[in-house]
Amino acid sequence: MMSEEIKNQVRRLIADHLEEDLESVTDEKDLVDDLGADSIDLYEMVMLTEDQLEIIIDDEKLEDIDTVGQFIGVVVEADVE
């Protein structure tokens, strides 16, 4: 899958899961501080992303994710592997 397609799919997933407008889910938004995600939301979004894209995201790479852009970067990287 092309990375731009993945980015858009992940943004839609985040927006849907957190009940946010797609336009508000930008790379620089902090998942917790700006979009109101908690640890359960983050876990669920990882699981949904893995299921939808049929990838496995390395747990160690999730530890330093704060923003939408960082989350998308980890997903794109996992899709390439």
Protein backbone atom coordinates (compact mmCIF):
# COMPACT_ATOMS: atom_id res chain seq x y z
CA MET A 1 0.00 0.00 0.00
CA MET A 2 1.31 3.49 -0.80
CA SER A 3 2.42 5.57 2.18
CA GLU A 4 0.03 8.47 1.37
CA GLU A 5 -2.85 5.99 1.34
CA ILE A 6 -1.67 4.58 4.68
CA LYS A 7 -1.38 8.06 6.19
CA ASN A 8 -4.94 8.91 5.17
CA GLN A 9 -6.28 5.61 6.46
CA VAL A 10 -4.54 6.04 9.83
CA ARG A 11 -5.82 9.63 10.15
CA ARG A 12 -9.37 8.41 9.46
CA LEU A 13 -8.98 5.63 12.02
CA ILE A 14 -7.75 8.09 14.68
CA ALA A 15 -10.51 10.58 13.88
CA ASP A 16 -13.20 7.90 14.02
CA HIS A 17 -11.88 6.30 17.19
CA LEU A 18 -11.50 9.59 19.06
CA GLU A 19 -14.66 11.07 17.54
CA GLU A 20 -12.76 14.02 16.06
CA ASP A 21 -13.16 15.81 12.75
CA LEU A 22 -10.70 14.46 10.18
CA GLU A 23 -9.42 18.00 9.58
CA SER A 24 -8.35 18.29 13.23
CA VAL A 25 -6.20 15.14 13.07
CA THR A 26 -2.98 16.71 11.79
CA ASP A 27 0.60 15.49 12.14
CA GLU A 28 1.51 17.94 14.88
CA LYS A 29 -1.46 17.16 17.14
CA ASP A 30 -0.59 15.43 20.39
CA LEU A 31 -2.69 12.29 20.74
CA VAL A 32 -3.21 12.78 24.48
CA ASP A 33 -3.01 16.53 25.10
CA ASP A 34 -4.74 17.76 21.93
CA LEU A 35 -7.02 14.87 20.95
CA GLY A 36 -7.85 13.48 24.40
CA ALA A 37 -6.65 9.90 23.89
CA ASP A 38 -5.88 7.81 26.95
CA SER A 39 -3.75 4.67 27.19
CA ILE A 40 -6.71 2.44 26.32
CA ASP A 41 -7.47 4.53 23.23
CA LEU A 42 -3.85 4.28 22.13
CA TYR A 43 -3.84 0.51 22.59
CA GLU A 44 -7.13 0.14 20.70
CA MET A 45 -5.90 2.33 17.84
CA VAL A 46 -2.75 0.22 17.51
CA MET A 47 -4.81 -2.98 17.44
CA LEU A 48 -7.27 -1.56 14.89
CA THR A 49 -4.43 -0.32 12.70
CA GLU A 50 -2.67 -3.68 12.82
CA ASP A 51 -5.90 -5.47 11.91
CA GLN A 52 -6.92 -3.11 9.11
CA LEU A 53 -3.49 -2.90 7.48
CA GLU A 54 -2.44 -6.46 8.31
CA ILE A 55 0.82 -5.35 9.90
CA ILE A 56 2.58 -5.82 13.22
CA ILE A 57 3.80 -2.71 15.03
CA ASP A 58 6.87 -3.17 17.22
CA ASP A 59 5.85 -2.42 20.83
CA GLU A 60 9.19 -0.73 21.55
CA LYS A 61 8.51 1.86 18.85
CA LEU A 62 5.22 2.80 20.50
CA GLU A 63 6.88 4.06 23.69
CA ASP A 64 7.98 7.39 22.20
CA ILE A 65 4.83 8.23 20.25
CA ASP A 66 3.19 11.50 21.23
CA THR A 67 1.82 12.97 18.01
CA VAL A 68 -0.34 11.84 15.11
CA GLY A 69 2.67 12.22 12.80
CA GLN A 70 4.83 9.97 14.98
CA PHE A 71 2.09 7.34 15.07
CA ILE A 72 1.74 7.47 11.30
CA GLY A 73 5.52 7.20 10.91
CA VAL A 74 5.63 4.00 12.96
CA VAL A 75 2.73 2.55 10.95
CA VAL A 76 4.34 3.38 7.60
CA GLU A 77 7.62 1.87 8.80
CA ALA A 78 5.87 -1.32 9.94
CA ASP A 79 4.11 -1.60 6.59
CA VAL A 80 7.44 -1.44 4.76
CA GLU A 81 8.99 -4.20 6.86
